[in-house]
C-alpha atoms as a PDB file:
ATOM      1  CA  MET A   1      81.060  20.892 136.547  1.00  0.00           C
ATOM      2  CA  THR A   2      77.558  19.893 134.839  1.00  0.00           C
ATOM      3  CA  ASP A   3      75.672  16.769 135.217  1.00  0.00           C
ATOM      4  CA  SER A   4      75.836  14.794 131.749  1.00  0.00           C
ATOM      5  CA  VAL A   5      72.489  12.990 130.612  1.00  0.00           C
ATOM      6  CA  PRO A   6      72.762   9.189 130.584  1.00  0.00           C
ATOM      7  CA  VAL A   7      73.164   7.770 127.035  1.00  0.00           C
ATOM      8  CA  THR A   8      72.226   4.327 125.427  1.00  0.00           C
ATOM      9  CA  ILE A   9      72.835   3.476 121.926  1.00  0.00           C
ATOM     10  CA  THR A  10      70.590   1.043 120.301  1.00  0.00           C
ATOM     11  CA  LEU A  11      71.279  -1.027 117.350  1.00  0.00           C
ATOM     12  CA  LEU A  12      68.243  -2.383 115.435  1.00  0.00           C
ATOM     13  CA  GLY A  13      69.054  -5.297 113.428  1.00  0.00           C
ATOM     14  CA  LYS A  14      68.451  -8.848 112.488  1.00  0.00           C
ATOM     15  CA  PRO A  15      69.964 -12.374 112.463  1.00  0.00           C
ATOM     16  CA  GLY A  16      72.190 -12.956 109.848  1.00  0.00           C
ATOM     17  CA  CYS A  17      72.880  -9.286 108.751  1.00  0.00           C
ATOM     18  CA  HIS A  18      76.302  -8.507 107.995  1.00  0.00           C
ATOM     19  CA  LEU A  19      75.973  -4.723 108.144  1.00  0.00           C
ATOM     20  CA  CYS A  20      74.412  -5.373 111.595  1.00  0.00           C
ATOM     21  CA  ASP A  21      77.721  -7.164 112.387  1.00  0.00           C
ATOM     22  CA  ASP A  22      79.808  -4.224 111.178  1.00  0.00           C
ATOM     23  CA  ALA A  23      77.619  -1.654 113.040  1.00  0.00           C
ATOM     24  CA  ARG A  24      77.926  -3.579 116.170  1.00  0.00           C
ATOM     25  CA  GLU A  25      81.547  -3.576 116.200  1.00  0.00           C
ATOM     26  CA  VAL A  26      81.769   0.294 115.947  1.00  0.00           C
ATOM     27  CA  ILE A  27      78.760   0.632 118.502  1.00  0.00           C
ATOM     28  CA  VAL A  28      80.630  -1.489 120.910  1.00  0.00           C
ATOM     29  CA  ARG A  29      83.980   0.287 120.381  1.00  0.00           C
ATOM     30  CA  VAL A  30      82.279   3.728 120.858  1.00  0.00           C
ATOM     31  CA  ALA A  31      80.165   2.982 123.790  1.00  0.00           C
ATOM     32  CA  ALA A  32      83.382   1.440 125.751  1.00  0.00           C
ATOM     33  CA  ASP A  33      85.392   4.505 124.743  1.00  0.00           C
ATOM     34  CA  LEU A  34      82.966   6.699 125.888  1.00  0.00           C
ATOM     35  CA  GLY A  35      81.558   4.926 128.741  1.00  0.00           C
ATOM     36  CA  VAL A  36      77.751   4.650 127.642  1.00  0.00           C
ATOM     37  CA  ALA A  37      75.504   1.883 127.550  1.00  0.00           C
ATOM     38  CA  TRP A  38      74.341  -0.041 124.240  1.00  0.00           C
ATOM     39  CA  GLU A  39      71.774  -2.587 123.422  1.00  0.00           C
ATOM     40  CA  GLU A  40      70.629  -4.654 120.738  1.00  0.00           C
ATOM     41  CA  GLU A  41      67.124  -5.328 119.590  1.00  0.00           C
ATOM     42  CA  ASP A  42      66.140  -7.820 116.856  1.00  0.00           C
ATOM     43  CA  ILE A  43      63.337  -6.181 114.579  1.00  0.00           C
ATOM     44  CA  THR A  44      62.116  -9.820 113.734  1.00  0.00           C
ATOM     45  CA  ARG A  45      60.609 -10.054 117.409  1.00  0.00           C
ATOM     46  CA  SER A  46      58.354  -7.130 116.795  1.00  0.00           C
ATOM     47  CA  PRO A  47      55.903  -6.771 113.756  1.00  0.00           C
ATOM     48  CA  GLU A  48      55.979  -2.895 114.327  1.00  0.00           C
ATOM     49  CA  LEU A  49      59.909  -2.618 114.325  1.00  0.00           C
ATOM     50  CA  THR A  50      59.821  -4.989 111.344  1.00  0.00           C
ATOM     51  CA  ARG A  51      57.382  -2.841 109.388  1.00  0.00           C
ATOM     52  CA  ARG A  52      59.170   0.310 110.297  1.00  0.00           C
ATOM     53  CA  TYR A  53      62.969  -0.672 109.850  1.00  0.00           C
ATOM     54  CA  TRP A  54      63.111  -3.605 107.484  1.00  0.00           C
ATOM     55  CA  GLU A  55      64.480  -1.826 104.647  1.00  0.00           C
ATOM     56  CA  GLN A  56      66.987   0.474 106.751  1.00  0.00           C
ATOM     57  CA  ILE A  57      68.599  -2.004 109.184  1.00  0.00           C
ATOM     58  CA  PRO A  58      71.027  -1.795 110.689  1.00  0.00           C
ATOM     59  CA  VAL A  59      69.476   1.425 112.607  1.00  0.00           C
ATOM     60  CA  THR A  60      71.330   3.282 115.288  1.00  0.00           C
ATOM     61  CA  LEU A  61      69.330   5.195 117.813  1.00  0.00           C
ATOM     62  CA  VAL A  62      70.865   7.319 120.446  1.00  0.00           C
ATOM     63  CA  ASN A  63      68.745   7.793 123.540  1.00  0.00           C
ATOM     64  CA  GLY A  64      65.654   6.285 121.277  1.00  0.00           C
ATOM     65  CA  VAL A  65      66.207   8.955 118.420  1.00  0.00           C
ATOM     66  CA  GLN A  66      67.133   7.543 115.058  1.00  0.00           C
ATOM     67  CA  HIS A  67      70.703   8.502 114.251  1.00  0.00           C
ATOM     68  CA  ASP A  68      71.767   6.539 111.499  1.00  0.00           C
ATOM     69  CA  PHE A  69      70.839   3.585 109.171  1.00  0.00           C
ATOM     70  CA  TRP A  70      72.431   1.184 107.019  1.00  0.00           C
ATOM     71  CA  ARG A  71      76.268   1.977 108.088  1.00  0.00           C
ATOM     72  CA  VAL A  72      77.655   3.620 111.370  1.00  0.00           C
ATOM     73  CA  ASP A  73      79.944   6.242 110.870  1.00  0.00           C
ATOM     74  CA  GLU A  74      82.308   6.136 114.098  1.00  0.00           C
ATOM     75  CA  ARG A  75      82.869   9.957 114.213  1.00  0.00           C
ATOM     76  CA  ARG A  76      79.459  10.939 113.741  1.00  0.00           C
ATOM     77  CA  LEU A  77      78.332   8.646 116.222  1.00  0.00           C
ATOM     78  CA  ARG A  78      80.760   9.891 118.724  1.00  0.00           C
ATOM     79  CA  ALA A  79      79.659  13.439 118.188  1.00  0.00           C
ATOM     80  CA  ALA A  80      76.172  12.368 118.463  1.00  0.00           C
ATOM     81  CA  VAL A  81      76.718  10.658 121.582  1.00  0.00           C
ATOM     82  CA  GLU A  82      78.554  13.675 123.131  1.00  0.00           C
ATOM     83  CA  GLN A  83      75.736  15.972 122.067  1.00  0.00           C
ATOM     84  CA  ALA A  84      73.021  13.657 123.783  1.00  0.00           C
ATOM     85  CA  ARG A  85      75.402  13.765 126.849  1.00  0.00           C
ATOM     86  CA  ARG A  86      74.834  17.682 126.859  1.00  0.00           C
ATOM     87  CA  GLY A  87      71.111  17.278 126.558  1.00  0.00           C
ATOM     88  CA  ARG A  88      70.783  18.180 122.982  1.00  0.00           C
END
């Protein structure tokens, strides 16, 4: 059996963002099902994150690499997490 790489899903969003709420639901479900960590960052707390992502939120990262923005496709996120586990 090969070791798998630890995976963290990150949601970049801001308060009051309904698309962020939708994305969070998908991320929580995928993280729980696949046994991976997830975290959320409020872009309004960082001028750099605000500048980079304001027009794209919610943004989903898998191990720090941008995976998606605006909407989270559950099937694609699951595939990305599995791929990240294999170190790809």
